[in-house]
Amino acid sequence: MISYLSALLAISGIMNYYINFLYLISSVSGSMASVLLVSSYLIKEDNMDVKSWYWNMFAWFIGFIIYQLAANFDSIIFGPTLLSLLASATITYIRALIK
């Protein structure tokens, strides 16, 4: 019964109001996941110091901003999600190279 109701709501167009919220969730969680995966699996940081934590927050924020800016352009090759993932992962990995 709930699946029929969900399908009816999706067809009626009321779900269009949630698209911006879903884009916001994607911009937050995508960048955060890339920072988490790079710092856990590539860098293998078990005990993070305060500087690493701030650097990871900076990498997440840059990925978030890149997603928000890239979501407005249709001509981006990779799309906003992959572009923000690559940016966040690269910035996180740069910290390991510097350290």
PDB file of N, CA and C in Angstrom:
ATOM      1  N   MET A   1       0.815  -1.186   0.000  1.00  0.00           N
ATOM      2  CA  MET A   1       0.000   0.000   0.000  1.00  0.00           C
ATOM      3  C   MET A   1       0.872   1.269   0.000  1.00  0.00           C
ATOM      4  N   ILE A   2       1.928   1.234   0.791  1.00  0.00           N
ATOM      5  CA  ILE A   2       2.800   2.407   0.874  1.00  0.00           C
ATOM      6  C   ILE A   2       3.530   2.629  -0.444  1.00  0.00           C
ATOM      7  N   SER A   3       3.885   1.551  -1.130  1.00  0.00           N
ATOM      8  CA  SER A   3       4.565   1.723  -2.416  1.00  0.00           C
ATOM      9  C   SER A   3       3.638   2.336  -3.459  1.00  0.00           C
ATOM     10  N   TYR A   4       2.362   2.007  -3.415  1.00  0.00           N
ATOM     11  CA  TYR A   4       1.412   2.631  -4.333  1.00  0.00           C
ATOM     12  C   TYR A   4       1.260   4.115  -4.031  1.00  0.00           C
ATOM     13  N   LEU A   5       1.222   4.457  -2.767  1.00  0.00           N
ATOM     14  CA  LEU A   5       1.111   5.853  -2.369  1.00  0.00           C
ATOM     15  C   LEU A   5       2.360   6.630  -2.784  1.00  0.00           C
ATOM     16  N   SER A   6       3.527   6.024  -2.603  1.00  0.00           N
ATOM     17  CA  SER A   6       4.773   6.679  -3.012  1.00  0.00           C
ATOM     18  C   SER A   6       4.832   6.881  -4.515  1.00  0.00           C
ATOM     19  N   ALA A   7       4.406   5.879  -5.260  1.00  0.00           N
ATOM     20  CA  ALA A   7       4.389   6.007  -6.718  1.00  0.00           C
ATOM     21  C   ALA A   7       3.408   7.086  -7.160  1.00  0.00           C
ATOM     22  N   LEU A   8       2.267   7.166  -6.516  1.00  0.00           N
ATOM     23  CA  LEU A   8       1.275   8.191  -6.850  1.00  0.00           C
ATOM     24  C   LEU A   8       1.809   9.586  -6.554  1.00  0.00           C
ATOM     25  N   LEU A   9       2.512   9.751  -5.424  1.00  0.00           N
ATOM     26  CA  LEU A   9       3.106  11.046  -5.099  1.00  0.00           C
ATOM     27  C   LEU A   9       4.200  11.426  -6.090  1.00  0.00           C
ATOM     28  N   ALA A  10       4.988  10.448  -6.506  1.00  0.00           N
ATOM     29  CA  ALA A  10       6.063  10.731  -7.460  1.00  0.00           C
ATOM     30  C   ALA A  10       5.504  11.125  -8.815  1.00  0.00           C
ATOM     31  N   ILE A  11       4.443  10.488  -9.229  1.00  0.00           N
ATOM     32  CA  ILE A  11       3.841  10.794 -10.527  1.00  0.00           C
ATOM     33  C   ILE A  11       3.140  12.148 -10.496  1.00  0.00           C
ATOM     34  N   SER A  12       2.548  12.494  -9.360  1.00  0.00           N
ATOM     35  CA  SER A  12       1.784  13.740  -9.280  1.00  0.00           C
ATOM     36  C   SER A  12       2.663  14.987  -9.340  1.00  0.00           C
ATOM     37  N   GLY A  13       3.947  14.855  -9.103  1.00  0.00           N
ATOM     38  CA  GLY A  13       4.834  16.007  -9.210  1.00  0.00           C
ATOM     39  C   GLY A  13       5.146  16.667  -7.891  1.00  0.00           C
ATOM     40  N   ILE A  14       4.568  16.179  -6.816  1.00  0.00           N
ATOM     41  CA  ILE A  14       4.835  16.792  -5.520  1.00  0.00           C
ATOM     42  C   ILE A  14       6.266  16.523  -5.065  1.00  0.00           C
ATOM     43  N   MET A  15       6.911  15.520  -5.618  1.00  0.00           N
ATOM     44  CA  MET A  15       8.281  15.187  -5.232  1.00  0.00           C
ATOM     45  C   MET A  15       9.291  16.206  -5.760  1.00  0.00           C
ATOM     46  N   ASN A  16       8.876  17.061  -6.671  1.00  0.00           N
ATOM     47  CA  ASN A  16       9.787  18.078  -7.187  1.00  0.00           C
ATOM     48  C   ASN A  16      10.244  19.054  -6.106  1.00  0.00           C
ATOM     49  N   TYR A  17       9.480  19.160  -5.039  1.00  0.00           N
ATOM     50  CA  TYR A  17       9.868  20.055  -3.947  1.00  0.00           C
ATOM     51  C   TYR A  17      11.044  19.516  -3.145  1.00  0.00           C
ATOM     52  N   TYR A  18      11.298  18.221  -3.238  1.00  0.00           N
ATOM     53  CA  TYR A  18      12.364  17.596  -2.464  1.00  0.00           C
ATOM     54  C   TYR A  18      13.690  17.508  -3.199  1.00  0.00           C
ATOM     55  N   ILE A  19      13.725  17.896  -4.446  1.00  0.00           N
ATOM     56  CA  ILE A  19      14.936  17.744  -5.248  1.00  0.00           C
ATOM     57  C   ILE A  19      16.081  18.569  -4.680  1.00  0.00           C
ATOM     58  N   ASN A  20      15.845  19.794  -4.282  1.00  0.00           N
ATOM     59  CA  ASN A  20      16.922  20.612  -3.719  1.00  0.00           C
ATOM     60  C   ASN A  20      17.454  20.015  -2.423  1.00  0.00           C
ATOM     61  N   PHE A  21      16.574  19.445  -1.615  1.00  0.00           N
ATOM     62  CA  PHE A  21      17.014  18.794  -0.387  1.00  0.00           C
ATOM     63  C   PHE A  21      17.865  17.566  -0.699  1.00  0.00           C
ATOM     64  N   LEU A  22      17.502  16.810  -1.707  1.00  0.00           N
ATOM     65  CA  LEU A  22      18.290  15.640  -2.089  1.00  0.00           C
ATOM     66  C   LEU A  22      19.647  16.041  -2.649  1.00  0.00           C
ATOM     67  N   TYR A  23      19.708  17.142  -3.379  1.00  0.00           N
ATOM     68  CA  TYR A  23      21.001  17.645  -3.850  1.00  0.00           C
ATOM     69  C   TYR A  23      21.880  18.078  -2.670  1.00  0.00           C
ATOM     70  N   LEU A  24      21.275  18.674  -1.669  1.00  0.00           N
ATOM     71  CA  LEU A  24      22.037  19.080  -0.485  1.00  0.00           C
ATOM     72  C   LEU A  24      22.598  17.862   0.252  1.00  0.00           C
ATOM     73  N   ILE A  25      21.802  16.828   0.399  1.00  0.00           N
ATOM     74  CA  ILE A  25      22.273  15.598   1.041  1.00  0.00           C
ATOM     75  C   ILE A  25      23.416  14.985   0.247  1.00  0.00           C
ATOM     76  N   SER A  26      23.285  14.977  -1.057  1.00  0.00           N
ATOM     77  CA  SER A  26      24.340  14.418  -1.900  1.00  0.00           C
ATOM     78  C   SER A  26      25.631  15.218  -1.800  1.00  0.00           C
ATOM     79  N   SER A  27      25.525  16.527  -1.737  1.00  0.00           N
ATOM     80  CA  SER A  27      26.734  17.356  -1.655  1.00  0.00           C
ATOM     81  C   SER A  27      27.445  17.180  -0.321  1.00  0.00           C
ATOM     82  N   VAL A  28      26.695  16.956   0.742  1.00  0.00           N
ATOM     83  CA  VAL A  28      27.305  16.768   2.057  1.00  0.00           C
ATOM     84  C   VAL A  28      27.896  15.369   2.191  1.00  0.00           C
ATOM     85  N   SER A  29      27.121  14.369   1.859  1.00  0.00           N
ATOM     86  CA  SER A  29      27.558  12.993   2.116  1.00  0.00           C
ATOM     87  C   SER A  29      28.612  12.508   1.124  1.00  0.00           C
ATOM     88  N   GLY A  30      28.575  12.965  -0.106  1.00  0.00           N
ATOM     89  CA  GLY A  30      29.574  12.526  -1.077  1.00  0.00           C
ATOM     90  C   GLY A  30      30.972  12.987  -0.719  1.00  0.00           C
ATOM     91  N   SER A  31      31.103  14.245  -0.388  1.00  0.00           N
ATOM     92  CA  SER A  31      32.410  14.779   0.005  1.00  0.00           C
ATOM     93  C   SER A  31      32.886  14.156   1.311  1.00  0.00           C
ATOM     94  N   MET A  32      31.961  13.953   2.233  1.00  0.00           N
ATOM     95  CA  MET A  32      32.335  13.363   3.516  1.00  0.00           C
ATOM     96  C   MET A  32      32.791  11.919   3.345  1.00  0.00           C
ATOM     97  N   ALA A  33      32.140  11.183   2.473  1.00  0.00           N
ATOM     98  CA  ALA A  33      32.532   9.795   2.241  1.00  0.00           C
ATOM     99  C   ALA A  33      33.906   9.704   1.592  1.00  0.00           C
ATOM    100  N   SER A  34      34.206  10.610   0.680  1.00  0.00           N
ATOM    101  CA  SER A  34      35.524  10.553   0.036  1.00  0.00           C
ATOM    102  C   SER A  34      36.638  10.887   1.024  1.00  0.00           C
ATOM    103  N   VAL A  35      36.413  11.858   1.902  1.00  0.00           N
ATOM    104  CA  VAL A  35      37.406  12.182   2.935  1.00  0.00           C
ATOM    105  C   VAL A  35      37.590  10.993   3.874  1.00  0.00           C
ATOM    106  N   LEU A  36      36.501  10.363   4.260  1.00  0.00           N
ATOM    107  CA  LEU A  36      36.569   9.226   5.163  1.00  0.00           C
ATOM    108  C   LEU A  36      37.308   8.056   4.531  1.00  0.00           C
ATOM    109  N   LEU A  37      36.996   7.744   3.282  1.00  0.00           N
ATOM    110  CA  LEU A  37      37.638   6.610   2.625  1.00  0.00           C
ATOM    111  C   LEU A  37      39.121   6.839   2.393  1.00  0.00           C
ATOM    112  N   VAL A  38      39.495   8.035   1.988  1.00  0.00           N
ATOM    113  CA  VAL A  38      40.909   8.312   1.744  1.00  0.00           C
ATOM    114  C   VAL A  38      41.686   8.298   3.051  1.00  0.00           C
ATOM    115  N   SER A  39      41.157   8.923   4.092  1.00  0.00           N
ATOM    116  CA  SER A  39      41.899   8.962   5.353  1.00  0.00           C
ATOM    117  C   SER A  39      41.927   7.606   6.042  1.00  0.00           C
ATOM    118  N   SER A  40      40.942   6.754   5.803  1.00  0.00           N
ATOM    119  CA  SER A  40      40.928   5.440   6.444  1.00  0.00           C
ATOM    120  C   SER A  40      41.725   4.391   5.675  1.00  0.00           C
ATOM    121  N   TYR A  41      41.579   4.365   4.351  1.00  0.00           N
ATOM    122  CA  TYR A  41      42.171   3.282   3.578  1.00  0.00           C
ATOM    123  C   TYR A  41      43.481   3.646   2.893  1.00  0.00           C
ATOM    124  N   LEU A  42      43.608   4.848   2.381  1.00  0.00           N
ATOM    125  CA  LEU A  42      44.847   5.214   1.703  1.00  0.00           C
ATOM    126  C   LEU A  42      45.901   5.739   2.672  1.00  0.00           C
ATOM    127  N   ILE A  43      45.485   6.594   3.590  1.00  0.00           N
ATOM    128  CA  ILE A  43      46.431   7.172   4.537  1.00  0.00           C
ATOM    129  C   ILE A  43      46.580   6.265   5.759  1.00  0.00           C
ATOM    130  N   LYS A  44      45.518   5.557   6.124  1.00  0.00           N
ATOM    131  CA  LYS A  44      45.469   4.657   7.275  1.00  0.00           C
ATOM    132  C   LYS A  44      45.804   5.376   8.570  1.00  0.00           C
ATOM    133  N   GLU A  45      45.101   6.459   8.800  1.00  0.00           N
ATOM    134  CA  GLU A  45      45.263   7.224  10.038  1.00  0.00           C
ATOM    135  C   GLU A  45      44.353   6.641  11.106  1.00  0.00           C
ATOM    136  N   ASP A  46      44.957   6.084  12.137  1.00  0.00           N
ATOM    137  CA  ASP A  46      44.157   5.586  13.254  1.00  0.00           C
ATOM    138  C   ASP A  46      43.959   6.674  14.309  1.00  0.00           C
ATOM    139  N   ASN A  47      45.029   7.348  14.648  1.00  0.00           N
ATOM    140  CA  ASN A  47      44.966   8.424  15.633  1.00  0.00           C
ATOM    141  C   ASN A  47      45.211   9.748  14.926  1.00  0.00           C
ATOM    142  N   MET A  48      44.154  10.481  14.710  1.00  0.00           N
ATOM    143  CA  MET A  48      44.289  11.757  14.019  1.00  0.00           C
ATOM    144  C   MET A  48      44.567  12.863  15.017  1.00  0.00           C
ATOM    145  N   ASP A  49      45.500  13.726  14.658  1.00  0.00           N
ATOM    146  CA  ASP A  49      45.738  14.894  15.491  1.00  0.00           C
ATOM    147  C   ASP A  49      44.781  16.007  15.057  1.00  0.00           C
ATOM    148  N   VAL A  50      44.850  17.109  15.755  1.00  0.00           N
ATOM    149  CA  VAL A  50      43.920  18.209  15.503  1.00  0.00           C
ATOM    150  C   VAL A  50      44.144  18.816  14.128  1.00  0.00           C
ATOM    151  N   LYS A  51      45.394  18.905  13.690  1.00  0.00           N
ATOM    152  CA  LYS A  51      45.673  19.487  12.366  1.00  0.00           C
ATOM    153  C   LYS A  51      45.093  18.624  11.254  1.00  0.00           C
ATOM    154  N   SER A  52      45.193  17.309  11.386  1.00  0.00           N
ATOM    155  CA  SER A  52      44.611  16.421  10.380  1.00  0.00           C
ATOM    156  C   SER A  52      43.096  16.541  10.361  1.00  0.00           C
ATOM    157  N   TRP A  53      42.512  16.684  11.530  1.00  0.00           N
ATOM    158  CA  TRP A  53      41.062  16.824  11.605  1.00  0.00           C
ATOM    159  C   TRP A  53      40.607  18.105  10.917  1.00  0.00           C
ATOM    160  N   TYR A  54      41.316  19.215  11.185  1.00  0.00           N
ATOM    161  CA  TYR A  54      40.972  20.469  10.517  1.00  0.00           C
ATOM    162  C   TYR A  54      41.206  20.380   9.019  1.00  0.00           C
ATOM    163  N   TRP A  55      42.256  19.705   8.600  1.00  0.00           N
ATOM    164  CA  TRP A  55      42.530  19.552   7.165  1.00  0.00           C
ATOM    165  C   TRP A  55      41.409  18.743   6.504  1.00  0.00           C
ATOM    166  N   ASN A  56      40.937  17.688   7.163  1.00  0.00           N
ATOM    167  CA  ASN A  56      39.845  16.892   6.605  1.00  0.00           C
ATOM    168  C   ASN A  56      38.547  17.689   6.533  1.00  0.00           C
ATOM    169  N   MET A  57      38.312  18.532   7.528  1.00  0.00           N
ATOM    170  CA  MET A  57      37.130  19.399   7.468  1.00  0.00           C
ATOM    171  C   MET A  57      37.248  20.398   6.324  1.00  0.00           C
ATOM    172  N   PHE A  58      38.452  20.908   6.105  1.00  0.00           N
ATOM    173  CA  PHE A  58      38.692  21.814   4.983  1.00  0.00           C
ATOM    174  C   PHE A  58      38.459  21.097   3.657  1.00  0.00           C
ATOM    175  N   ALA A  59      38.940  19.858   3.533  1.00  0.00           N
ATOM    176  CA  ALA A  59      38.749  19.081   2.298  1.00  0.00           C
ATOM    177  C   ALA A  59      37.266  18.808   2.063  1.00  0.00           C
ATOM    178  N   TRP A  60      36.533  18.485   3.136  1.00  0.00           N
ATOM    179  CA  TRP A  60      35.100  18.270   2.986  1.00  0.00           C
ATOM    180  C   TRP A  60      34.399  19.552   2.543  1.00  0.00           C
ATOM    181  N   PHE A  61      34.756  20.672   3.145  1.00  0.00           N
ATOM    182  CA  PHE A  61      34.110  21.940   2.812  1.00  0.00           C
ATOM    183  C   PHE A  61      34.389  22.345   1.365  1.00  0.00           C
ATOM    184  N   ILE A  62      35.613  22.131   0.885  1.00  0.00           N
ATOM    185  CA  ILE A  62      35.934  22.441  -0.509  1.00  0.00           C
ATOM    186  C   ILE A  62      35.115  21.554  -1.444  1.00  0.00           C
ATOM    187  N   GLY A  63      34.992  20.276  -1.110  1.00  0.00           N
ATOM    188  CA  GLY A  63      34.154  19.381  -1.919  1.00  0.00           C
ATOM    189  C   GLY A  63      32.698  19.809  -1.927  1.00  0.00           C
ATOM    190  N   PHE A  64      32.207  20.246  -0.785  1.00  0.00           N
ATOM    191  CA  PHE A  64      30.836  20.737  -0.677  1.00  0.00           C
ATOM    192  C   PHE A  64      30.627  21.968  -1.555  1.00  0.00           C
ATOM    193  N   ILE A  65      31.560  22.910  -1.501  1.00  0.00           N
ATOM    194  CA  ILE A  65      31.459  24.137  -2.304  1.00  0.00           C
ATOM    195  C   ILE A  65      31.554  23.814  -3.785  1.00  0.00           C
ATOM    196  N   ILE A  66      32.447  22.912  -4.166  1.00  0.00           N
ATOM    197  CA  ILE A  66      32.583  22.538  -5.579  1.00  0.00           C
ATOM    198  C   ILE A  66      31.301  21.893  -6.080  1.00  0.00           C
ATOM    199  N   TYR A  67      30.683  21.060  -5.273  1.00  0.00           N
ATOM    200  CA  TYR A  67      29.414  20.461  -5.679  1.00  0.00           C
ATOM    201  C   TYR A  67      28.347  21.529  -5.882  1.00  0.00           C
ATOM    202  N   GLN A  68      28.248  22.463  -4.937  1.00  0.00           N
ATOM    203  CA  GLN A  68      27.229  23.499  -5.045  1.00  0.00           C
ATOM    204  C   GLN A  68      27.441  24.375  -6.275  1.00  0.00           C
ATOM    205  N   LEU A  69      28.701  24.670  -6.604  1.00  0.00           N
ATOM    206  CA  LEU A  69      28.984  25.479  -7.783  1.00  0.00           C
ATOM    207  C   LEU A  69      28.777  24.683  -9.068  1.00  0.00           C
ATOM    208  N   ALA A  70      29.189  23.423  -9.064  1.00  0.00           N
ATOM    209  CA  ALA A  70      29.100  22.606 -10.276  1.00  0.00           C
ATOM    210  C   ALA A  70      27.677  22.144 -10.570  1.00  0.00           C
ATOM    211  N   ALA A  71      26.823  22.138  -9.584  1.00  0.00           N
ATOM    212  CA  ALA A  71      25.440  21.705  -9.799  1.00  0.00           C
ATOM    213  C   ALA A  71      24.677  22.685 -10.687  1.00  0.00           C
ATOM    214  N   ASN A  72      25.150  23.908 -10.787  1.00  0.00           N
ATOM    215  CA  ASN A  72      24.463  24.910 -11.600  1.00  0.00           C
ATOM    216  C   ASN A  72      24.871  24.872 -13.061  1.00  0.00           C
ATOM    217  N   PHE A  73      25.924  24.126 -13.396  1.00  0.00           N
ATOM    218  CA  PHE A  73      26.406  24.063 -14.774  1.00  0.00           C
ATOM    219  C   PHE A  73      26.046  22.724 -15.393  1.00  0.00           C
ATOM    220  N   ASP A  74      25.561  22.770 -16.627  1.00  0.00           N
ATOM    221  CA  ASP A  74      25.216  21.539 -17.332  1.00  0.00           C
ATOM    222  C   ASP A  74      26.370  20.995 -18.162  1.00  0.00           C
ATOM    223  N   SER A  75      27.399  21.776 -18.373  1.00  0.00           N
ATOM    224  CA  SER A  75      28.456  21.376 -19.290  1.00  0.00           C
ATOM    225  C   SER A  75      29.657  20.730 -18.602  1.00  0.00           C
ATOM    226  N   ILE A  76      29.546  20.403 -17.332  1.00  0.00           N
ATOM    227  CA  ILE A  76      30.661  19.785 -16.629  1.00  0.00           C
ATOM    228  C   ILE A  76      30.730  18.310 -17.019  1.00  0.00           C
ATOM    229  N   ILE A  77      31.932  17.856 -17.361  1.00  0.00           N
ATOM    230  CA  ILE A  77      32.115  16.513 -17.907  1.00  0.00           C
ATOM    231  C   ILE A  77      31.809  15.434 -16.863  1.00  0.00           C
ATOM    232  N   PHE A  78      32.373  15.543 -15.678  1.00  0.00           N
ATOM    233  CA  PHE A  78      32.241  14.485 -14.684  1.00  0.00           C
ATOM    234  C   PHE A  78      30.941  14.563 -13.892  1.00  0.00           C
ATOM    235  N   GLY A  79      30.291  15.680 -13.908  1.00  0.00           N
ATOM    236  CA  GLY A  79      29.122  15.873 -13.072  1.00  0.00           C
ATOM    237  C   GLY A  79      29.541  16.393 -11.711  1.00  0.00           C
ATOM    238  N   PRO A  80      28.629  16.964 -10.969  1.00  0.00           N
ATOM    239  CA  PRO A  80      29.010  17.585  -9.701  1.00  0.00           C
ATOM    240  C   PRO A  80      29.444  16.582  -8.633  1.00  0.00           C
ATOM    241  N   THR A  81      28.853  15.402  -8.613  1.00  0.00           N
ATOM    242  CA  THR A  81      29.182  14.442  -7.564  1.00  0.00           C
ATOM    243  C   THR A  81      30.603  13.925  -7.718  1.00  0.00           C
ATOM    244  N   LEU A  82      30.934  13.442  -8.902  1.00  0.00           N
ATOM    245  CA  LEU A  82      32.272  12.907  -9.118  1.00  0.00           C
ATOM    246  C   LEU A  82      33.334  13.990  -9.007  1.00  0.00           C
ATOM    247  N   LEU A  83      33.011  15.182  -9.443  1.00  0.00           N
ATOM    248  CA  LEU A  83      33.962  16.292  -9.339  1.00  0.00           C
ATOM    249  C   LEU A  83      34.251  16.637  -7.878  1.00  0.00           C
ATOM    250  N   SER A  84      33.230  16.664  -7.046  1.00  0.00           N
ATOM    251  CA  SER A  84      33.460  16.963  -5.619  1.00  0.00           C
ATOM    252  C   SER A  84      34.160  15.807  -4.919  1.00  0.00           C
ATOM    253  N   LEU A  85      33.876  14.573  -5.317  1.00  0.00           N
ATOM    254  CA  LEU A  85      34.579  13.427  -4.742  1.00  0.00           C
ATOM    255  C   LEU A  85      36.063  13.483  -5.052  1.00  0.00           C
ATOM    256  N   LEU A  86      36.391  13.770  -6.293  1.00  0.00           N
ATOM    257  CA  LEU A  86      37.801  13.853  -6.688  1.00  0.00           C
ATOM    258  C   LEU A  86      38.513  15.002  -5.985  1.00  0.00           C
ATOM    259  N   ALA A  87      37.855  16.126  -5.857  1.00  0.00           N
ATOM    260  CA  ALA A  87      38.479  17.275  -5.202  1.00  0.00           C
ATOM    261  C   ALA A  87      38.724  16.999  -3.721  1.00  0.00           C
ATOM    262  N   SER A  88      37.740  16.451  -3.037  1.00  0.00           N
ATOM    263  CA  SER A  88      37.899  16.163  -1.614  1.00  0.00           C
ATOM    264  C   SER A  88      38.961  15.095  -1.369  1.00  0.00           C
ATOM    265  N   ALA A  89      38.946  14.065  -2.193  1.00  0.00           N
ATOM    266  CA  ALA A  89      39.936  12.999  -2.036  1.00  0.00           C
ATOM    267  C   ALA A  89      41.341  13.506  -2.311  1.00  0.00           C
ATOM    268  N   THR A  90      41.490  14.352  -3.306  1.00  0.00           N
ATOM    269  CA  THR A  90      42.809  14.890  -3.638  1.00  0.00           C
ATOM    270  C   THR A  90      43.341  15.782  -2.529  1.00  0.00           C
ATOM    271  N   ILE A  91      42.495  16.641  -2.004  1.00  0.00           N
ATOM    272  CA  ILE A  91      42.930  17.540  -0.923  1.00  0.00           C
ATOM    273  C   ILE A  91      43.272  16.735   0.333  1.00  0.00           C
ATOM    274  N   THR A  92      42.506  15.696   0.623  1.00  0.00           N
ATOM    275  CA  THR A  92      42.807  14.857   1.777  1.00  0.00           C
ATOM    276  C   THR A  92      44.132  14.132   1.601  1.00  0.00           C
ATOM    277  N   TYR A  93      44.390  13.649   0.399  1.00  0.00           N
ATOM    278  CA  TYR A  93      45.630  12.910   0.142  1.00  0.00           C
ATOM    279  C   TYR A  93      46.840  13.837   0.121  1.00  0.00           C
ATOM    280  N   ILE A  94      46.646  15.093  -0.246  1.00  0.00           N
ATOM    281  CA  ILE A  94      47.763  16.063  -0.235  1.00  0.00           C
ATOM    282  C   ILE A  94      48.288  16.217   1.184  1.00  0.00           C
ATOM    283  N   ARG A  95      47.435  16.163   2.175  1.00  0.00           N
ATOM    284  CA  ARG A  95      47.880  16.251   3.564  1.00  0.00           C
ATOM    285  C   ARG A  95      48.824  15.106   3.916  1.00  0.00           C
ATOM    286  N   ALA A  96      48.523  13.911   3.412  1.00  0.00           N
ATOM    287  CA  ALA A  96      49.400  12.768   3.687  1.00  0.00           C
ATOM    288  C   ALA A  96      50.752  12.938   3.003  1.00  0.00           C
ATOM    289  N   LEU A  97      50.764  13.537   1.826  1.00  0.00           N
ATOM    290  CA  LEU A  97      52.029  13.762   1.130  1.00  0.00           C
ATOM    291  C   LEU A  97      52.866  14.822   1.820  1.00  0.00           C
ATOM    292  N   ILE A  98      52.210  15.840   2.352  1.00  0.00           N
ATOM    293  CA  ILE A  98      52.918  16.900   3.058  1.00  0.00           C
ATOM    294  C   ILE A  98      53.459  16.393   4.389  1.00  0.00           C
ATOM    295  N   LYS A  99      52.665  15.592   5.064  1.00  0.00           N
ATOM    296  CA  LYS A  99      53.023  15.092   6.390  1.00  0.00           C
ATOM    297  C   LYS A  99      54.128  14.089   6.256  1.00  0.00           C
TER     298      LYS A  99
END
